[in-house]
């Protein structure tokens, strides 16, 4: 069969004529490998890989679980701490009062207390509303305030600023200041304490009678001699026993400072109390101490009118012959040898020192010839002493 071409003038010759051959080879059918790769490419482009979809799903699940746990924990926390949370979220009242407050509140500031502790004490007493607010105000002060120890009269519901100003005002300091002169007897001390504190005299007398509970040796005849003469600042609320105990402790401090052994305390206080009562001046104390110690060494009675007077309970300087002969008065050093049975006054540091360190001398006698000036004459012999006594009598 031969190829035939339609005539040139055939109406459909353009369409019936076979295409001319080209140099490009005819397309070959795709191989199986190419078809498989093509299918895989189509599949990959149509949907994501299975592993990637699994990871995305896992992330979603974890996120949902975490959100659920957070929501559950939040619900638990809220149900448990609902009052505290509500208080935190709601508007807070001021952490400070305003103004100078009202009423009367006593607050004691102890030695060594700092601002934070003072703030807590003020809040507990109802003076300030919040201790932290008070302390914050305190930290802003320049220079930093220095607080005195003692009891202060403040008011309830004061602003922190007012409370701070009141604590720094000496006029608000309330305490019981008592000054005890050297040589004062226990009875005189009770009177001073009663006058200053307003407590009954008998309250101090009863506390002093139980002297062993205050630290005084149980074998001492009384508390006399163990109440150290000094200036004290007692606080409102302290009991009579507490005040006396403070004075006893102060006596032991003085004895320890002087180097007095514990078993010699009563002896030294007895001699020092006698020296304190019989001396007209500090300088005379060392001579008076020597007189008494010389007489004791010689076996002579001390013959102190002060001891007779103390034991008899009298207030006169002179004593009677009957009083001097009364041996039942155990304080009577005319009728009884040696030191009195116990101290007859409360001696100070100088008298204690004089008892331990008497002046050098041979004196055996002394007499105060002028009670106004305290002038005292010291004698070695009886005749010298008799002349000094006549001088005393002439002046009185």
Protein backbone atom coordinates (compact mmCIF):
# COMPACT_ATOMS: atom_id res chain seq x y z
CA UNK A 1 0.00 0.00 0.00
CA UNK A 2 1.42 3.25 -1.11
CA UNK A 3 1.01 6.57 0.60
CA UNK A 4 -1.14 8.93 -1.10
CA UNK A 5 -1.55 12.60 -0.43
CA UNK A 6 -4.80 14.41 -1.19
CA UNK A 7 -4.73 16.85 -3.99
CA UNK A 8 -3.57 20.30 -3.25
CA UNK A 9 -6.95 21.68 -4.08
CA UNK A 10 -8.86 19.31 -1.86
CA UNK A 11 -10.91 21.21 0.64
CA UNK A 12 -9.62 19.22 3.55
CA UNK A 13 -6.13 18.74 2.24
CA UNK A 14 -4.73 20.74 5.10
CA UNK A 15 -6.25 18.43 7.62
CA UNK A 16 -5.80 15.17 5.79
CA UNK A 17 -2.18 15.64 4.99
CA UNK A 18 0.09 13.70 7.29
CA UNK A 19 2.38 15.77 9.35
CA UNK A 20 5.85 16.00 8.25
CA UNK A 21 8.34 14.03 10.16
CA UNK A 22 10.62 15.85 12.65
CA UNK A 23 13.96 15.08 14.03
CA UNK A 24 12.55 14.53 17.62
CA UNK A 25 12.14 10.84 18.38
CA UNK A 26 8.76 9.58 19.33
CA UNK A 27 7.96 9.61 23.06
CA UNK A 28 8.54 6.34 24.86
CA UNK A 29 5.99 5.01 27.33
CA UNK A 30 7.10 5.64 30.99
CA UNK A 31 8.74 2.83 32.84
CA UNK A 32 7.19 1.24 35.92
CA UNK A 33 9.78 2.83 38.22
CA UNK A 34 8.98 6.31 36.88
CA UNK A 35 5.29 5.70 37.25
CA UNK A 36 5.81 4.57 40.88
CA UNK A 37 7.90 7.63 41.69
CA UNK A 38 5.27 9.83 40.10
CA UNK A 39 2.55 8.25 42.20
CA UNK A 40 4.58 8.72 45.38
CA UNK A 41 5.15 12.37 44.52
CA UNK A 42 1.46 12.87 44.02
CA UNK A 43 0.68 11.13 47.29
CA UNK A 44 3.23 13.25 49.23
CA UNK A 45 1.85 16.43 47.79
CA UNK A 46 -1.71 15.45 48.59
CA UNK A 47 -1.35 14.74 52.42
CA UNK A 48 1.30 15.25 55.18
CA UNK A 49 3.41 12.42 56.44
CA UNK A 50 1.80 10.25 59.13
CA UNK A 51 4.57 10.90 61.73
CA UNK A 52 4.23 14.68 61.46
CA UNK A 53 0.46 14.44 61.91
CA UNK A 54 0.97 12.26 64.97
CA UNK A 55 3.35 14.78 66.59
CA UNK A 56 0.96 17.64 66.01
CA UNK A 57 -1.87 15.67 67.54
CA UNK A 58 0.28 14.86 70.59
CA UNK A 59 1.13 18.54 71.11
CA UNK A 60 -2.53 19.47 71.02
CA UNK A 61 -3.40 16.77 73.55
CA UNK A 62 -0.58 17.84 75.91
CA UNK A 63 -1.67 21.47 75.67
CA UNK A 64 -5.23 20.55 76.50
CA UNK A 65 -4.11 18.42 79.44
CA UNK A 66 -1.87 21.19 80.83
CA UNK A 67 -4.64 23.75 80.53
CA UNK A 68 -6.94 21.36 82.32
CA UNK A 69 -4.46 20.81 85.13
CA UNK A 70 -3.84 24.54 85.52
CA UNK A 71 -7.56 25.19 85.62
CA UNK A 72 -8.05 22.42 88.15
CA UNK A 73 -5.19 23.62 90.34
CA UNK A 74 -6.48 27.16 90.17
CA UNK A 75 -9.91 26.01 91.28
CA UNK A 76 -8.39 24.08 94.16
CA UNK A 77 -6.24 27.01 95.28
CA UNK A 78 -9.12 29.41 95.10
CA UNK A 79 -11.49 27.14 97.00
CA UNK A 80 -8.85 26.59 99.68
CA UNK A 81 -7.56 30.15 100.07
CA UNK A 82 -10.62 32.08 98.96
CA UNK A 83 -10.66 34.46 101.99
CA UNK A 84 -6.99 35.37 101.58
CA UNK A 85 -7.28 35.79 97.83
CA UNK A 86 -10.39 37.91 98.19
CA UNK A 87 -8.61 40.06 100.75
CA UNK A 88 -5.67 40.52 98.39
CA UNK A 89 -7.84 41.41 95.42
CA UNK A 90 -10.22 43.66 97.30
CA UNK A 91 -9.26 47.25 98.18
CA UNK A 92 -7.11 47.32 101.33
CA UNK A 93 -7.73 49.69 104.24
CA UNK A 94 -4.92 51.97 105.36
CA UNK A 95 -2.17 50.31 107.42
CA UNK A 96 -1.96 53.31 109.71
CA UNK A 97 -4.20 55.21 112.09
CA UNK A 98 -4.52 58.96 111.87
CA UNK A 99 -4.06 61.53 114.58
CA UNK A 100 -2.79 61.36 118.15
CA UNK A 101 -5.11 58.61 119.34
CA UNK A 102 -7.04 58.57 122.60
CA UNK A 103 -6.89 57.07 126.07
CA UNK A 104 -3.74 56.02 127.86
CA UNK A 105 -1.44 53.10 127.06
CA UNK A 106 1.77 52.34 128.94
CA UNK A 107 4.57 50.86 126.85
CA UNK A 108 7.92 49.83 128.30
CA UNK A 109 11.02 50.04 126.12
CA UNK A 110 13.68 47.63 127.36
CA UNK A 111 17.40 48.17 127.10
CA UNK A 112 18.74 47.10 123.70
CA UNK A 113 15.39 46.93 121.89
CA UNK A 114 15.54 48.00 118.25
CA UNK A 115 13.00 49.63 115.97
CA UNK A 116 11.41 46.44 114.61
CA UNK A 117 10.86 45.02 118.11
CA UNK A 118 9.47 48.35 119.29
CA UNK A 119 7.06 48.40 116.36
CA UNK A 120 5.77 44.94 117.26
CA UNK A 121 5.37 46.00 120.89
CA UNK A 122 3.40 49.10 119.85
CA UNK A 123 1.10 47.06 117.62
CA UNK A 124 0.46 44.46 120.33
CA UNK A 125 -0.39 47.26 122.77
CA UNK A 126 -2.89 48.75 120.30
CA UNK A 127 -0.91 51.95 119.84
CA UNK A 128 -0.17 51.62 116.10
CA UNK A 129 -2.10 49.68 113.51
CA UNK A 130 0.78 47.96 111.76
CA UNK A 131 4.31 47.39 113.07
CA UNK A 132 5.77 47.27 109.55
CA UNK A 133 4.37 50.72 108.79
CA UNK A 134 5.93 52.09 111.97
CA UNK A 135 9.26 50.47 111.19
CA UNK A 136 9.20 51.74 107.61
CA UNK A 137 8.69 55.27 108.92
CA UNK A 138 11.52 54.77 111.38
CA UNK A 139 13.95 53.73 108.63
CA UNK A 140 13.28 56.97 106.77
CA UNK A 141 14.40 59.07 109.73
CA UNK A 142 17.77 60.75 109.37
CA UNK A 143 19.53 60.61 111.73
CA UNK A 144 18.14 57.42 113.18
CA UNK A 145 16.29 58.01 116.49
CA UNK A 146 17.79 56.82 119.76
CA UNK A 147 15.19 55.43 122.14
CA UNK A 148 15.47 55.77 125.90
CA UNK A 149 14.70 52.80 128.09
CA UNK A 150 11.74 53.11 130.42
CA UNK A 151 7.97 53.27 130.39
CA UNK A 152 6.21 55.76 128.13
CA UNK A 153 2.66 57.06 128.34
CA UNK A 154 1.15 56.79 124.85
CA UNK A 155 -2.40 56.56 123.48
CA UNK A 156 -4.46 53.95 121.65
CA UNK A 157 -4.75 54.11 117.83
CA UNK A 158 -2.04 56.64 117.19
CA UNK A 159 -0.57 57.27 113.76
CA UNK A 160 2.93 55.89 113.38
CA UNK A 161 4.25 59.42 113.10
CA UNK A 162 2.54 60.49 116.34
CA UNK A 163 3.70 57.37 118.17
CA UNK A 164 7.30 57.95 117.12
CA UNK A 165 7.18 61.58 118.22
CA UNK A 166 5.68 60.58 121.58
CA UNK A 167 8.40 57.99 122.21
CA UNK A 168 11.11 60.56 121.55
CA UNK A 169 9.53 63.14 123.90
CA UNK A 170 11.08 62.88 127.40
CA UNK A 171 7.89 64.39 128.84
CA UNK A 172 6.08 61.12 128.05
CA UNK A 173 8.57 59.00 129.97
CA UNK A 174 6.93 57.62 133.08
CA UNK A 175 8.98 55.89 135.77
CA UNK A 176 9.57 55.84 139.50
CA UNK A 177 12.94 57.44 140.19
CA UNK A 178 14.16 56.79 143.71
CA UNK A 179 17.46 58.06 145.13
CA UNK A 180 18.72 56.22 148.19
CA UNK A 181 21.48 58.06 150.10
CA UNK A 182 24.34 56.09 151.69
CA UNK A 183 23.58 55.05 155.23
CA UNK A 184 19.80 54.96 154.81
CA UNK A 185 18.14 52.18 156.76
CA UNK A 186 15.78 49.67 155.20
CA UNK A 187 12.84 51.37 156.88
CA UNK A 188 13.86 54.70 155.34
CA UNK A 189 14.11 53.05 151.93
CA UNK A 190 10.60 51.62 152.28
CA UNK A 191 9.30 55.11 153.01
CA UNK A 192 10.99 56.56 149.92
CA UNK A 193 9.67 53.80 147.69
CA UNK A 194 6.16 54.20 149.07
CA UNK A 195 6.25 57.96 148.51
CA UNK A 196 7.40 57.68 144.90
CA UNK A 197 5.39 54.68 143.73
CA UNK A 198 2.22 55.21 145.75
CA UNK A 199 2.38 51.66 147.06
CA UNK A 200 1.75 51.07 150.78
CA UNK A 201 4.74 51.14 153.12
CA UNK A 202 3.66 47.77 154.56
CA UNK A 203 3.92 46.20 151.10
CA UNK A 204 7.63 46.95 150.98
CA UNK A 205 8.08 45.99 154.61
CA UNK A 206 6.47 42.59 153.99
CA UNK A 207 8.61 42.00 150.89
CA UNK A 208 11.75 42.91 152.84
CA UNK A 209 10.84 40.55 155.67
CA UNK A 210 11.01 37.66 153.20
CA UNK A 211 14.62 38.60 152.45
CA UNK A 212 15.86 35.07 151.74
CA UNK A 213 13.64 34.93 148.64
CA UNK A 214 15.39 38.08 147.41
CA UNK A 215 18.85 36.51 147.56
CA UNK A 216 19.92 37.67 151.02
CA UNK A 217 21.67 34.93 153.05
CA UNK A 218 19.16 33.08 155.17
CA UNK A 219 21.39 33.41 158.25
CA UNK A 220 21.37 37.22 158.04
CA UNK A 221 19.25 38.89 160.73
CA UNK A 222 17.42 41.05 158.16
CA UNK A 223 17.65 42.65 154.75
CA UNK A 224 19.50 45.60 156.30
CA UNK A 225 22.81 46.32 154.57
CA UNK A 226 21.80 44.51 151.37
CA UNK A 227 19.85 47.38 149.77
CA UNK A 228 22.49 49.28 147.87
CA UNK A 229 22.24 53.10 148.02
CA UNK A 230 21.94 54.49 144.48
CA UNK A 231 19.46 56.11 142.10
CA UNK A 232 16.95 53.67 140.61
CA UNK A 233 14.36 53.99 137.88
CA UNK A 234 11.61 51.51 138.60
CA UNK A 235 8.81 50.89 136.12
CA UNK A 236 5.04 50.93 136.66
CA UNK A 237 3.88 47.39 137.22
CA UNK A 238 6.97 46.23 139.09
CA UNK A 239 6.19 44.62 142.42
CA UNK A 240 7.71 45.65 145.74
CA UNK A 241 9.71 42.42 145.80
CA UNK A 242 11.08 43.09 142.32
CA UNK A 243 12.25 46.55 143.32
CA UNK A 244 13.99 45.30 146.45
CA UNK A 245 15.54 42.42 144.49
CA UNK A 246 17.05 44.96 142.09
CA UNK A 247 18.70 46.71 145.02
CA UNK A 248 20.00 43.45 146.51
CA UNK A 249 21.52 42.47 143.18
CA UNK A 250 23.16 45.87 142.97
CA UNK A 251 24.76 45.27 146.39
CA UNK A 252 26.30 42.03 145.16
CA UNK A 253 27.66 43.86 142.12
CA UNK A 254 29.41 46.33 144.44
CA UNK A 255 30.81 43.58 146.66
CA UNK A 256 32.07 41.60 143.66
CA UNK A 257 33.69 44.72 142.22
CA UNK A 258 35.44 45.29 145.55
CA UNK A 259 36.74 41.72 145.56
CA UNK A 260 34.74 40.55 148.59
CA UNK A 261 34.47 36.78 148.86
CA UNK A 262 30.97 35.33 149.04
CA UNK A 263 31.46 33.97 152.57
CA UNK A 264 32.64 37.42 153.74
CA UNK A 265 29.74 39.47 152.38
CA UNK A 266 27.74 39.73 155.60
CA UNK A 267 30.82 40.53 157.70
CA UNK A 268 31.99 43.27 155.32
CA UNK A 269 28.51 44.80 155.06
CA UNK A 270 28.17 44.78 158.85
CA UNK A 271 31.49 46.61 159.32
CA UNK A 272 30.81 48.93 156.37
CA UNK A 273 27.30 49.75 157.64
CA UNK A 274 28.78 50.69 161.02
CA UNK A 275 31.48 52.83 159.37
CA UNK A 276 28.86 54.52 157.17
CA UNK A 277 26.69 55.43 160.17
CA UNK A 278 29.55 56.72 162.35
CA UNK A 279 31.52 58.76 159.80
CA UNK A 280 31.15 62.46 159.21
CA UNK A 281 32.91 62.41 155.83
CA UNK A 282 34.37 60.03 153.29
CA UNK A 283 37.88 60.81 154.47
CA UNK A 284 36.92 59.92 158.06
CA UNK A 285 35.61 56.51 157.00
CA UNK A 286 39.10 55.05 156.70
CA UNK A 287 40.07 56.32 160.18
CA UNK A 288 36.80 55.08 161.71
CA UNK A 289 37.47 51.70 160.12
CA UNK A 290 40.90 51.62 161.73
CA UNK A 291 39.48 52.51 165.16
CA UNK A 292 36.98 49.65 165.07
CA UNK A 293 39.52 47.13 163.81
CA UNK A 294 42.08 48.23 166.41
CA UNK A 295 39.52 47.80 169.19
CA UNK A 296 38.49 44.37 167.92
CA UNK A 297 42.16 43.34 167.80
CA UNK A 298 42.63 44.56 171.38
CA UNK A 299 39.48 42.80 172.65
CA UNK A 300 37.77 46.10 173.40
CA UNK A 301 34.04 46.60 172.91
CA UNK A 302 33.30 48.95 170.05
CA UNK A 303 30.99 51.16 172.16
CA UNK A 304 29.14 52.64 169.18
CA UNK A 305 26.11 54.74 170.06
CA UNK A 306 24.81 54.15 166.54
CA UNK A 307 24.51 50.42 167.21
CA UNK A 308 22.64 50.99 170.45
CA UNK A 309 20.31 53.44 168.81
CA UNK A 310 19.57 51.08 165.87
CA UNK A 311 18.79 48.11 168.09
CA UNK A 312 16.62 50.21 170.43
CA UNK A 313 14.72 51.65 167.51
CA UNK A 314 15.32 55.22 168.60
CA UNK A 315 16.02 58.25 166.49
CA UNK A 316 18.10 60.30 168.90
CA UNK A 317 21.83 60.75 168.49
CA UNK A 318 22.56 60.29 172.20
CA UNK A 319 21.78 57.12 174.08
CA UNK A 320 20.89 56.57 177.73
CA UNK A 321 22.91 54.60 180.24
CA UNK A 322 20.11 52.04 180.47
CA UNK A 323 20.14 51.54 176.73
CA UNK A 324 23.91 51.11 176.69
CA UNK A 325 23.70 48.46 179.41
CA UNK A 326 20.96 46.45 177.69
CA UNK A 327 22.71 43.27 176.51
CA UNK A 328 19.46 41.89 175.11
CA UNK A 329 19.87 44.38 172.33
CA UNK A 330 22.12 42.25 170.11
CA UNK A 331 23.16 45.33 168.16
CA UNK A 332 24.41 46.99 171.35
CA UNK A 333 28.21 47.13 171.06
CA UNK A 334 28.54 48.62 174.56
CA UNK A 335 27.16 45.50 176.23
CA UNK A 336 28.22 42.94 173.57
CA UNK A 337 31.74 42.38 172.19
CA UNK A 338 32.70 42.54 168.55
CA UNK A 339 30.61 43.76 165.63
CA UNK A 340 26.84 44.06 165.94
CA UNK A 341 24.78 41.05 164.94
CA UNK A 342 24.21 42.54 161.49
CA UNK A 343 24.43 45.74 159.43
CA UNK A 344 22.79 48.83 160.91
CA UNK A 345 22.55 50.72 157.61
CA UNK A 346 23.04 50.27 153.88
CA UNK A 347 26.62 51.26 153.02
CA UNK A 348 27.91 52.60 149.72
CA UNK A 349 31.10 51.93 147.79
CA UNK A 350 33.29 54.20 149.94
CA UNK A 351 32.29 52.56 153.21
CA UNK A 352 32.85 49.11 151.71
CA UNK A 353 36.29 50.20 150.53
CA UNK A 354 37.09 51.66 153.94
CA UNK A 355 36.13 48.37 155.62
CA UNK A 356 38.59 46.58 153.37
CA UNK A 357 41.36 49.20 153.46
CA UNK A 358 41.48 51.05 156.83
CA UNK A 359 43.88 53.95 157.31
CA UNK A 360 47.13 53.37 159.19
CA UNK A 361 46.99 54.63 162.80
CA UNK A 362 46.88 53.79 166.50
CA UNK A 363 43.52 55.39 167.24
CA UNK A 364 41.17 53.64 169.62
CA UNK A 365 38.60 56.43 170.07
CA UNK A 366 36.73 59.04 168.08
CA UNK A 367 33.89 61.46 168.68
CA UNK A 368 32.09 63.88 166.37
CA UNK A 369 32.50 67.20 168.12
CA UNK A 370 30.40 69.21 165.67
CA UNK A 371 27.27 67.57 164.34
CA UNK A 372 26.64 70.37 161.86
CA UNK A 373 30.00 70.13 160.11
CA UNK A 374 30.76 66.50 160.90
CA UNK A 375 34.09 67.40 162.49
CA UNK A 376 35.48 64.31 164.21
CA UNK A 377 38.35 63.99 166.67
CA UNK A 378 40.37 60.73 166.73
CA UNK A 379 42.30 59.78 169.87
CA UNK A 380 44.81 57.15 170.89
CA UNK A 381 44.35 57.32 174.67
CA UNK A 382 41.36 57.53 176.96
CA UNK A 383 42.45 60.92 178.27
CA UNK A 384 42.59 62.35 174.77
CA UNK A 385 39.17 60.98 174.12
CA UNK A 386 37.71 62.42 177.35
CA UNK A 387 38.93 65.85 176.32
CA UNK A 388 37.25 65.46 172.93
CA UNK A 389 34.01 64.44 174.61
CA UNK A 390 34.09 67.60 176.73
CA UNK A 391 34.47 69.57 173.51
CA UNK A 392 31.39 67.85 172.09
CA UNK A 393 29.38 68.58 175.22
CA UNK A 394 30.42 72.22 175.16
CA UNK A 395 29.14 72.56 171.61
CA UNK A 396 25.81 71.02 172.50
